[in-house]
Amino acid sequence: MKKLCLFLFCLLYPFSTLAVEVGDIYYSNKTFNAKLLDGLIPVGIVWQVNNNKDGGLIMSLEQPGSKNWEKAQTYCRVYQTIGTKSGDWFLPDFLQLFPINKLQQQRIGPHTFLYLNQKLEKIKSARPLKEDTYFTASDYAEDKKSALGVHLATGELVKIKKKSRSSFRCMMSF
């Protein structure tokens, strides 16, 4: 009887897989799964993974309205969800946001942008990525009054005035 219970527990309990993939759903109980699971609360989606597939970045499910750079930074710094707290989330810097827009090494490109939006559509509380330029936390090299932005659907790098309003998405490391 104990073996049967253990087998059923292992079969039914949504263990986090060791190899996390871009597009996997991150749940409030700190597990990952490629599928939407009943009874668990999704709080993010895997945005980028390292070579070992055991770490990377999680993108929030929420798509806040456009804000200026300083307000976007603050918003992400205090952002929280069930299972996360203020300070867990941040506005990604250029190196965290830009590499995922390459069509190589499991990084996002136009097809992955669409793939992530398809995954986000399945989660009731999620909002899709916009075909827009997103703020990064990085200053623009020659102009400290501007930030570096990335157009998520095309990978284009853009200079954005920090006082202007732009899209952004909060991220969290795992």
N, C-alpha and C. Protein backbone atom coordinates (compact mmCIF):
# COMPACT_ATOMS: atom_id res chain seq x y z
N MET A 1 0.82 -1.19 0.00
CA MET A 1 0.00 0.00 0.00
C MET A 1 0.87 1.26 0.00
N LYS A 2 1.97 1.24 0.78
CA LYS A 2 2.86 2.39 0.83
C LYS A 2 3.48 2.66 -0.54
N LYS A 3 3.87 1.58 -1.24
CA LYS A 3 4.46 1.74 -2.56
C LYS A 3 3.46 2.33 -3.55
N LEU A 4 2.21 1.91 -3.45
CA LEU A 4 1.18 2.44 -4.33
C LEU A 4 0.96 3.93 -4.06
N CYS A 5 0.91 4.30 -2.79
CA CYS A 5 0.74 5.71 -2.44
C CYS A 5 1.93 6.54 -2.93
N LEU A 6 3.13 6.04 -2.75
CA LEU A 6 4.33 6.75 -3.22
C LEU A 6 4.31 6.89 -4.73
N PHE A 7 3.93 5.82 -5.43
CA PHE A 7 3.84 5.87 -6.89
C PHE A 7 2.82 6.91 -7.34
N LEU A 8 1.63 6.92 -6.73
CA LEU A 8 0.60 7.90 -7.08
C LEU A 8 1.05 9.32 -6.77
N PHE A 9 1.71 9.51 -5.63
CA PHE A 9 2.21 10.82 -5.27
C PHE A 9 3.20 11.32 -6.32
N CYS A 10 4.14 10.47 -6.70
CA CYS A 10 5.14 10.84 -7.71
C CYS A 10 4.50 11.12 -9.06
N LEU A 11 3.48 10.38 -9.38
CA LEU A 11 2.80 10.54 -10.67
C LEU A 11 1.99 11.84 -10.71
N LEU A 12 1.33 12.16 -9.61
CA LEU A 12 0.41 13.30 -9.60
C LEU A 12 1.04 14.61 -9.16
N TYR A 13 2.11 14.58 -8.41
CA TYR A 13 2.71 15.81 -7.91
C TYR A 13 3.56 16.46 -9.01
N PRO A 14 3.34 17.75 -9.29
CA PRO A 14 4.06 18.41 -10.39
C PRO A 14 5.48 18.80 -10.00
N PHE A 15 6.37 17.85 -10.03
CA PHE A 15 7.77 18.15 -9.72
C PHE A 15 8.36 19.08 -10.77
N SER A 16 9.24 19.93 -10.35
CA SER A 16 9.97 20.77 -11.28
C SER A 16 10.99 19.90 -12.02
N THR A 17 11.03 20.05 -13.31
CA THR A 17 12.00 19.27 -14.06
C THR A 17 13.38 19.89 -13.90
N LEU A 18 14.41 19.07 -14.05
CA LEU A 18 15.76 19.57 -13.93
C LEU A 18 16.11 20.47 -15.10
N ALA A 19 15.69 20.12 -16.29
CA ALA A 19 16.00 20.91 -17.47
C ALA A 19 14.82 21.83 -17.78
N VAL A 20 15.02 23.10 -17.50
CA VAL A 20 14.00 24.10 -17.73
C VAL A 20 14.17 24.63 -19.15
N GLU A 21 13.06 24.88 -19.83
CA GLU A 21 13.07 25.37 -21.21
C GLU A 21 12.41 26.74 -21.30
N VAL A 22 12.81 27.51 -22.31
CA VAL A 22 12.13 28.78 -22.59
C VAL A 22 10.67 28.47 -22.84
N GLY A 23 9.78 29.22 -22.20
CA GLY A 23 8.34 29.02 -22.33
C GLY A 23 7.73 28.20 -21.22
N ASP A 24 8.54 27.54 -20.39
CA ASP A 24 7.99 26.81 -19.25
C ASP A 24 7.31 27.79 -18.30
N ILE A 25 6.28 27.32 -17.65
CA ILE A 25 5.53 28.14 -16.70
C ILE A 25 6.16 28.00 -15.32
N TYR A 26 6.33 29.14 -14.64
CA TYR A 26 6.85 29.16 -13.27
C TYR A 26 5.66 29.38 -12.35
N TYR A 27 5.55 28.53 -11.33
CA TYR A 27 4.42 28.57 -10.41
C TYR A 27 4.81 29.17 -9.06
N SER A 28 3.78 29.59 -8.32
CA SER A 28 4.01 30.22 -7.02
C SER A 28 4.68 29.29 -6.02
N ASN A 29 4.61 27.98 -6.22
CA ASN A 29 5.28 27.03 -5.32
C ASN A 29 6.71 26.74 -5.77
N LYS A 30 7.23 27.58 -6.69
CA LYS A 30 8.61 27.53 -7.17
C LYS A 30 8.92 26.32 -8.05
N THR A 31 7.89 25.76 -8.70
CA THR A 31 8.09 24.67 -9.65
C THR A 31 7.90 25.20 -11.07
N PHE A 32 8.40 24.44 -12.02
CA PHE A 32 8.28 24.76 -13.44
C PHE A 32 7.56 23.60 -14.13
N ASN A 33 6.81 23.91 -15.18
CA ASN A 33 6.23 22.86 -15.99
C ASN A 33 5.94 23.44 -17.36
N ALA A 34 6.05 22.62 -18.39
CA ALA A 34 5.77 23.07 -19.75
C ALA A 34 4.27 23.28 -19.97
N LYS A 35 3.45 22.66 -19.14
CA LYS A 35 2.00 22.74 -19.29
C LYS A 35 1.37 23.55 -18.16
N LEU A 36 0.20 24.06 -18.45
CA LEU A 36 -0.60 24.74 -17.44
C LEU A 36 -1.26 23.67 -16.57
N LEU A 37 -0.98 23.71 -15.27
CA LEU A 37 -1.47 22.69 -14.36
C LEU A 37 -2.57 23.23 -13.47
N ASP A 38 -3.67 22.48 -13.36
CA ASP A 38 -4.77 22.86 -12.49
C ASP A 38 -4.30 22.84 -11.03
N GLY A 39 -4.81 23.76 -10.26
CA GLY A 39 -4.52 23.79 -8.83
C GLY A 39 -3.26 24.54 -8.46
N LEU A 40 -2.46 24.95 -9.44
CA LEU A 40 -1.25 25.73 -9.17
C LEU A 40 -1.42 27.14 -9.74
N ILE A 41 -0.75 28.09 -9.12
CA ILE A 41 -0.87 29.49 -9.53
C ILE A 41 0.35 29.89 -10.35
N PRO A 42 0.17 30.15 -11.65
CA PRO A 42 1.30 30.61 -12.47
C PRO A 42 1.64 32.06 -12.14
N VAL A 43 2.94 32.36 -12.04
CA VAL A 43 3.36 33.74 -11.76
C VAL A 43 4.36 34.27 -12.78
N GLY A 44 4.86 33.40 -13.65
CA GLY A 44 5.81 33.84 -14.66
C GLY A 44 6.02 32.79 -15.72
N ILE A 45 6.81 33.16 -16.71
CA ILE A 45 7.14 32.24 -17.79
C ILE A 45 8.65 32.35 -18.05
N VAL A 46 9.29 31.23 -18.32
CA VAL A 46 10.73 31.23 -18.52
C VAL A 46 11.05 31.99 -19.80
N TRP A 47 11.91 32.96 -19.66
CA TRP A 47 12.28 33.89 -20.71
C TRP A 47 13.63 33.51 -21.32
N GLN A 48 14.52 33.04 -20.48
CA GLN A 48 15.87 32.70 -20.94
C GLN A 48 16.43 31.63 -20.00
N VAL A 49 17.20 30.70 -20.55
CA VAL A 49 17.84 29.67 -19.73
C VAL A 49 19.34 29.66 -20.00
N ASN A 50 20.09 29.24 -18.99
CA ASN A 50 21.54 29.12 -19.17
C ASN A 50 21.85 27.82 -19.90
N ASN A 51 23.11 27.60 -20.18
CA ASN A 51 23.51 26.40 -20.93
C ASN A 51 23.19 25.10 -20.21
N ASN A 52 23.20 25.12 -18.86
CA ASN A 52 22.89 23.93 -18.08
C ASN A 52 21.39 23.71 -17.93
N LYS A 53 20.59 24.69 -18.34
CA LYS A 53 19.13 24.65 -18.24
C LYS A 53 18.65 24.50 -16.80
N ASP A 54 19.42 25.07 -15.87
CA ASP A 54 19.02 25.03 -14.47
C ASP A 54 18.97 26.43 -13.86
N GLY A 55 19.05 27.44 -14.68
CA GLY A 55 18.97 28.82 -14.23
C GLY A 55 18.66 29.72 -15.40
N GLY A 56 18.25 30.92 -15.09
CA GLY A 56 17.93 31.87 -16.15
C GLY A 56 17.03 32.97 -15.65
N LEU A 57 16.14 33.42 -16.52
CA LEU A 57 15.24 34.52 -16.19
C LEU A 57 13.79 34.11 -16.39
N ILE A 58 12.96 34.62 -15.50
CA ILE A 58 11.52 34.44 -15.56
C ILE A 58 10.91 35.80 -15.86
N MET A 59 9.99 35.86 -16.80
CA MET A 59 9.29 37.08 -17.14
C MET A 59 7.95 37.07 -16.41
N SER A 60 7.57 38.23 -15.88
CA SER A 60 6.27 38.33 -15.21
C SER A 60 5.15 38.11 -16.21
N LEU A 61 4.01 37.66 -15.73
CA LEU A 61 2.85 37.47 -16.59
C LEU A 61 2.17 38.79 -16.90
N GLU A 62 2.38 39.76 -16.06
CA GLU A 62 1.75 41.07 -16.22
C GLU A 62 2.47 41.93 -17.24
N GLN A 63 1.72 42.62 -18.08
CA GLN A 63 2.27 43.60 -19.01
C GLN A 63 1.78 44.96 -18.53
N PRO A 64 2.61 45.65 -17.72
CA PRO A 64 2.17 46.95 -17.22
C PRO A 64 2.01 47.95 -18.35
N GLY A 65 1.29 49.02 -18.08
CA GLY A 65 1.20 50.10 -19.05
C GLY A 65 2.55 50.78 -19.21
N SER A 66 2.71 51.53 -20.28
CA SER A 66 3.96 52.24 -20.53
C SER A 66 4.25 53.22 -19.41
N LYS A 67 5.52 53.31 -19.04
CA LYS A 67 5.98 54.24 -18.00
C LYS A 67 7.31 54.82 -18.42
N ASN A 68 7.73 55.89 -17.73
CA ASN A 68 9.09 56.37 -17.99
C ASN A 68 10.08 55.41 -17.33
N TRP A 69 11.36 55.59 -17.65
CA TRP A 69 12.39 54.66 -17.22
C TRP A 69 12.47 54.53 -15.70
N GLU A 70 12.46 55.66 -15.00
CA GLU A 70 12.57 55.62 -13.54
C GLU A 70 11.37 54.92 -12.91
N LYS A 71 10.18 55.21 -13.40
CA LYS A 71 8.97 54.56 -12.86
C LYS A 71 8.95 53.07 -13.20
N ALA A 72 9.46 52.70 -14.36
CA ALA A 72 9.54 51.27 -14.72
C ALA A 72 10.49 50.54 -13.77
N GLN A 73 11.63 51.17 -13.47
CA GLN A 73 12.60 50.57 -12.52
C GLN A 73 11.94 50.36 -11.16
N THR A 74 11.27 51.41 -10.67
CA THR A 74 10.61 51.34 -9.36
C THR A 74 9.50 50.29 -9.37
N TYR A 75 8.71 50.29 -10.40
CA TYR A 75 7.61 49.33 -10.52
C TYR A 75 8.14 47.90 -10.36
N CYS A 76 9.18 47.58 -11.09
CA CYS A 76 9.73 46.21 -11.03
C CYS A 76 10.36 45.92 -9.67
N ARG A 77 10.98 46.91 -9.07
CA ARG A 77 11.64 46.70 -7.77
C ARG A 77 10.63 46.36 -6.68
N VAL A 78 9.41 46.90 -6.75
CA VAL A 78 8.40 46.64 -5.72
C VAL A 78 7.36 45.61 -6.16
N TYR A 79 7.46 45.16 -7.38
CA TYR A 79 6.50 44.18 -7.91
C TYR A 79 6.56 42.90 -7.09
N GLN A 80 5.39 42.30 -6.87
CA GLN A 80 5.34 41.03 -6.15
C GLN A 80 4.11 40.24 -6.61
N THR A 81 4.19 38.94 -6.43
CA THR A 81 3.10 38.04 -6.77
C THR A 81 2.96 37.04 -5.63
N ILE A 82 1.98 36.18 -5.73
CA ILE A 82 1.89 35.09 -4.77
C ILE A 82 3.14 34.24 -4.94
N GLY A 83 3.85 34.00 -3.85
CA GLY A 83 5.07 33.20 -3.90
C GLY A 83 6.34 34.00 -4.15
N THR A 84 6.21 35.31 -4.44
CA THR A 84 7.38 36.17 -4.59
C THR A 84 7.16 37.41 -3.74
N LYS A 85 8.23 38.14 -3.53
CA LYS A 85 8.13 39.34 -2.70
C LYS A 85 8.77 40.53 -3.39
N SER A 86 8.51 41.69 -2.86
CA SER A 86 9.13 42.90 -3.36
C SER A 86 10.65 42.74 -3.29
N GLY A 87 11.34 43.06 -4.36
CA GLY A 87 12.79 42.90 -4.42
C GLY A 87 13.23 41.67 -5.21
N ASP A 88 12.31 40.73 -5.45
CA ASP A 88 12.64 39.55 -6.26
C ASP A 88 12.72 39.90 -7.75
N TRP A 89 11.91 40.87 -8.16
CA TRP A 89 11.78 41.23 -9.57
C TRP A 89 12.62 42.46 -9.89
N PHE A 90 12.98 42.64 -11.15
CA PHE A 90 13.80 43.79 -11.57
C PHE A 90 13.55 44.09 -13.04
N LEU A 91 13.93 45.28 -13.46
CA LEU A 91 13.94 45.64 -14.87
C LEU A 91 15.22 45.06 -15.45
N PRO A 92 15.14 44.21 -16.48
CA PRO A 92 16.36 43.57 -16.99
C PRO A 92 17.30 44.56 -17.65
N ASP A 93 18.58 44.32 -17.51
CA ASP A 93 19.56 45.17 -18.19
C ASP A 93 19.72 44.70 -19.64
N PHE A 94 20.52 45.44 -20.38
CA PHE A 94 20.72 45.16 -21.80
C PHE A 94 21.21 43.73 -22.04
N LEU A 95 22.17 43.28 -21.25
CA LEU A 95 22.73 41.95 -21.46
C LEU A 95 21.72 40.84 -21.15
N GLN A 96 20.75 41.13 -20.29
CA GLN A 96 19.72 40.14 -19.99
C GLN A 96 18.62 40.14 -21.04
N LEU A 97 18.36 41.29 -21.62
CA LEU A 97 17.27 41.39 -22.58
C LEU A 97 17.71 41.14 -24.02
N PHE A 98 18.82 41.70 -24.45
CA PHE A 98 19.22 41.62 -25.85
C PHE A 98 19.60 40.22 -26.32
N PRO A 99 20.40 39.45 -25.60
CA PRO A 99 20.81 38.14 -26.14
C PRO A 99 19.64 37.23 -26.47
N ILE A 100 18.51 37.40 -25.83
CA ILE A 100 17.39 36.52 -26.13
C ILE A 100 16.75 36.84 -27.46
N ASN A 101 17.15 37.91 -28.09
CA ASN A 101 16.57 38.27 -29.38
C ASN A 101 17.37 37.73 -30.56
N LYS A 102 18.34 36.90 -30.32
CA LYS A 102 19.13 36.26 -31.37
C LYS A 102 18.49 34.92 -31.71
N LEU A 103 18.55 34.52 -32.95
CA LEU A 103 17.98 33.25 -33.37
C LEU A 103 18.98 32.11 -33.21
N GLN A 104 19.71 32.09 -32.14
CA GLN A 104 20.70 31.04 -31.92
C GLN A 104 20.73 30.66 -30.46
N GLN A 105 21.21 29.50 -30.18
CA GLN A 105 21.40 29.01 -28.81
C GLN A 105 20.16 29.19 -27.94
N GLN A 106 19.00 28.78 -28.44
CA GLN A 106 17.74 28.82 -27.69
C GLN A 106 17.37 30.21 -27.24
N ARG A 107 17.74 31.21 -28.00
CA ARG A 107 17.39 32.58 -27.63
C ARG A 107 16.25 33.06 -28.50
N ILE A 108 15.54 34.01 -28.00
CA ILE A 108 14.31 34.46 -28.65
C ILE A 108 14.59 35.19 -29.97
N GLY A 109 13.72 35.03 -30.90
CA GLY A 109 13.70 35.75 -32.16
C GLY A 109 12.24 35.89 -32.53
N PRO A 110 11.93 36.28 -33.75
CA PRO A 110 10.53 36.46 -34.12
C PRO A 110 9.67 35.22 -33.86
N HIS A 111 10.19 34.03 -34.16
CA HIS A 111 9.40 32.82 -33.91
C HIS A 111 9.21 32.57 -32.41
N THR A 112 10.21 32.86 -31.60
CA THR A 112 10.10 32.65 -30.16
C THR A 112 9.20 33.70 -29.53
N PHE A 113 9.22 34.92 -30.05
CA PHE A 113 8.29 35.97 -29.60
C PHE A 113 6.86 35.46 -29.76
N LEU A 114 6.55 34.90 -30.91
CA LEU A 114 5.21 34.36 -31.16
C LEU A 114 4.93 33.16 -30.26
N TYR A 115 5.95 32.30 -30.09
CA TYR A 115 5.81 31.12 -29.22
C TYR A 115 5.47 31.52 -27.79
N LEU A 116 6.20 32.51 -27.26
CA LEU A 116 5.93 32.96 -25.89
C LEU A 116 4.54 33.57 -25.77
N ASN A 117 4.12 34.33 -26.77
CA ASN A 117 2.77 34.88 -26.72
C ASN A 117 1.71 33.79 -26.79
N GLN A 118 1.98 32.72 -27.55
CA GLN A 118 1.04 31.60 -27.57
C GLN A 118 0.95 30.93 -26.20
N LYS A 119 2.10 30.79 -25.53
CA LYS A 119 2.11 30.22 -24.17
C LYS A 119 1.36 31.14 -23.20
N LEU A 120 1.60 32.45 -23.31
CA LEU A 120 0.95 33.43 -22.43
C LEU A 120 -0.56 33.44 -22.63
N GLU A 121 -1.03 33.23 -23.86
CA GLU A 121 -2.47 33.21 -24.14
C GLU A 121 -3.20 32.12 -23.37
N LYS A 122 -2.51 31.04 -23.04
CA LYS A 122 -3.13 29.92 -22.34
C LYS A 122 -3.29 30.17 -20.84
N ILE A 123 -2.61 31.20 -20.34
CA ILE A 123 -2.66 31.51 -18.91
C ILE A 123 -3.61 32.68 -18.72
N LYS A 124 -4.71 32.43 -18.03
CA LYS A 124 -5.77 33.42 -17.88
C LYS A 124 -5.27 34.76 -17.33
N SER A 125 -4.35 34.73 -16.38
CA SER A 125 -3.88 35.96 -15.74
C SER A 125 -2.76 36.66 -16.51
N ALA A 126 -2.30 36.07 -17.61
CA ALA A 126 -1.15 36.61 -18.34
C ALA A 126 -1.59 37.59 -19.43
N ARG A 127 -0.67 38.49 -19.76
CA ARG A 127 -0.87 39.43 -20.86
C ARG A 127 0.26 39.22 -21.87
N PRO A 128 -0.06 39.29 -23.17
CA PRO A 128 0.96 39.05 -24.19
C PRO A 128 2.02 40.14 -24.23
N LEU A 129 3.16 39.78 -24.80
CA LEU A 129 4.19 40.76 -25.09
C LEU A 129 3.69 41.65 -26.21
N LYS A 130 4.11 42.89 -26.19
CA LYS A 130 3.73 43.83 -27.24
C LYS A 130 4.80 43.82 -28.33
N GLU A 131 4.39 44.05 -29.55
CA GLU A 131 5.36 44.27 -30.63
C GLU A 131 5.79 45.72 -30.48
N ASP A 132 6.73 45.93 -29.57
CA ASP A 132 7.11 47.28 -29.17
C ASP A 132 8.55 47.26 -28.67
N THR A 133 9.09 48.45 -28.48
CA THR A 133 10.42 48.59 -27.88
C THR A 133 10.26 48.60 -26.37
N TYR A 134 11.07 47.78 -25.71
CA TYR A 134 11.02 47.65 -24.25
C TYR A 134 12.25 48.30 -23.64
N PHE A 135 12.01 49.01 -22.53
CA PHE A 135 13.12 49.58 -21.76
C PHE A 135 14.01 48.47 -21.23
N THR A 136 15.31 48.76 -21.15
CA THR A 136 16.22 47.95 -20.34
C THR A 136 16.69 48.84 -19.19
N ALA A 137 17.32 48.26 -18.22
CA ALA A 137 17.85 49.02 -17.09
C ALA A 137 19.17 49.70 -17.45
N SER A 138 19.67 49.47 -18.65
CA SER A 138 20.99 49.97 -19.06
C SER A 138 20.91 51.38 -19.65
N ASP A 139 21.87 52.20 -19.23
CA ASP A 139 22.02 53.53 -19.82
C ASP A 139 22.51 53.40 -21.26
N TYR A 140 22.13 54.36 -22.09
CA TYR A 140 22.68 54.45 -23.43
C TYR A 140 24.08 55.04 -23.30
N ALA A 141 25.07 54.43 -23.88
CA ALA A 141 26.49 54.76 -23.63
C ALA A 141 26.83 56.24 -23.75
N GLU A 142 26.44 56.89 -24.85
CA GLU A 142 26.85 58.28 -25.08
C GLU A 142 25.88 59.30 -24.49
N ASP A 143 24.76 58.84 -23.95
CA ASP A 143 23.73 59.78 -23.49
C ASP A 143 23.07 59.22 -22.23
N LYS A 144 23.48 59.70 -21.08
CA LYS A 144 22.95 59.19 -19.81
C LYS A 144 21.48 59.56 -19.59
N LYS A 145 20.94 60.45 -20.43
CA LYS A 145 19.52 60.79 -20.33
C LYS A 145 18.66 59.81 -21.14
N SER A 146 19.32 58.83 -21.74
CA SER A 146 18.62 57.83 -22.54
C SER A 146 18.99 56.43 -22.04
N ALA A 147 18.09 55.52 -22.32
CA ALA A 147 18.32 54.11 -21.98
C ALA A 147 18.38 53.32 -23.27
N LEU A 148 18.94 52.14 -23.17
CA LEU A 148 18.97 51.23 -24.30
C LEU A 148 17.68 50.42 -24.29
N GLY A 149 17.03 50.34 -25.42
CA GLY A 149 15.80 49.57 -25.55
C GLY A 149 15.97 48.49 -26.59
N VAL A 150 15.10 47.49 -26.53
CA VAL A 150 15.12 46.39 -27.48
C VAL A 150 13.69 46.19 -27.99
N HIS A 151 13.55 46.16 -29.32
CA HIS A 151 12.25 45.83 -29.89
C HIS A 151 12.15 44.30 -29.84
N LEU A 152 11.22 43.80 -29.05
CA LEU A 152 11.19 42.36 -28.78
C LEU A 152 10.85 41.50 -29.99
N ALA A 153 10.06 42.01 -30.91
CA ALA A 153 9.69 41.18 -32.06
C ALA A 153 10.78 41.14 -33.13
N THR A 154 11.65 42.16 -33.17
CA THR A 154 12.66 42.22 -34.23
C THR A 154 14.09 42.11 -33.72
N GLY A 155 14.31 42.40 -32.43
CA GLY A 155 15.66 42.39 -31.87
C GLY A 155 16.41 43.68 -32.11
N GLU A 156 15.76 44.68 -32.71
CA GLU A 156 16.41 45.96 -32.99
C GLU A 156 16.75 46.69 -31.69
N LEU A 157 17.97 47.24 -31.63
CA LEU A 157 18.39 48.05 -30.49
C LEU A 157 18.00 49.49 -30.74
N VAL A 158 17.48 50.15 -29.70
CA VAL A 158 16.94 51.49 -29.85
C VAL A 158 17.37 52.36 -28.67
N LYS A 159 17.65 53.61 -28.95
CA LYS A 159 17.92 54.62 -27.92
C LYS A 159 16.57 55.22 -27.52
N ILE A 160 16.25 55.18 -26.21
CA ILE A 160 14.98 55.71 -25.71
C ILE A 160 15.28 56.76 -24.64
N LYS A 161 14.70 57.94 -24.78
CA LYS A 161 14.82 58.96 -23.74
C LYS A 161 14.18 58.42 -22.46
N LYS A 162 14.88 58.56 -21.35
CA LYS A 162 14.39 58.02 -20.08
C LYS A 162 13.10 58.69 -19.62
N LYS A 163 12.88 59.92 -20.02
CA LYS A 163 11.65 60.62 -19.60
C LYS A 163 10.45 60.24 -20.45
N SER A 164 10.69 59.60 -21.60
CA SER A 164 9.57 59.16 -22.44
C SER A 164 8.95 57.89 -21.84
N ARG A 165 7.79 57.55 -22.32
CA ARG A 165 7.10 56.35 -21.85
C ARG A 165 7.37 55.22 -22.83
N SER A 166 7.63 54.05 -22.28
CA SER A 166 7.88 52.88 -23.12
C SER A 166 7.40 51.63 -22.40
N SER A 167 7.26 50.57 -23.16
CA SER A 167 6.89 49.28 -22.58
C SER A 167 8.05 48.72 -21.77
N PHE A 168 7.74 47.82 -20.87
CA PHE A 168 8.75 47.12 -20.07
C PHE A 168 8.12 45.88 -19.51
N ARG A 169 8.94 44.96 -19.05
CA ARG A 169 8.45 43.75 -18.41
C ARG A 169 9.39 43.42 -17.28
N CYS A 170 8.85 43.10 -16.11
CA CYS A 170 9.68 42.74 -14.96
C CYS A 170 10.19 41.30 -15.12
N MET A 171 11.42 41.08 -14.62
CA MET A 171 12.06 39.77 -14.69
C MET A 171 12.51 39.35 -13.29
N MET A 172 12.74 38.06 -13.15
CA MET A 172 13.25 37.50 -11.90
C MET A 172 14.22 36.39 -12.27
N SER A 173 15.32 36.28 -11.54
CA SER A 173 16.30 35.22 -11.77
C SER A 173 15.85 33.94 -11.08
N PHE A 174 16.26 32.81 -11.63
CA PHE A 174 16.06 31.52 -10.95
C PHE A 174 17.32 30.71 -11.07
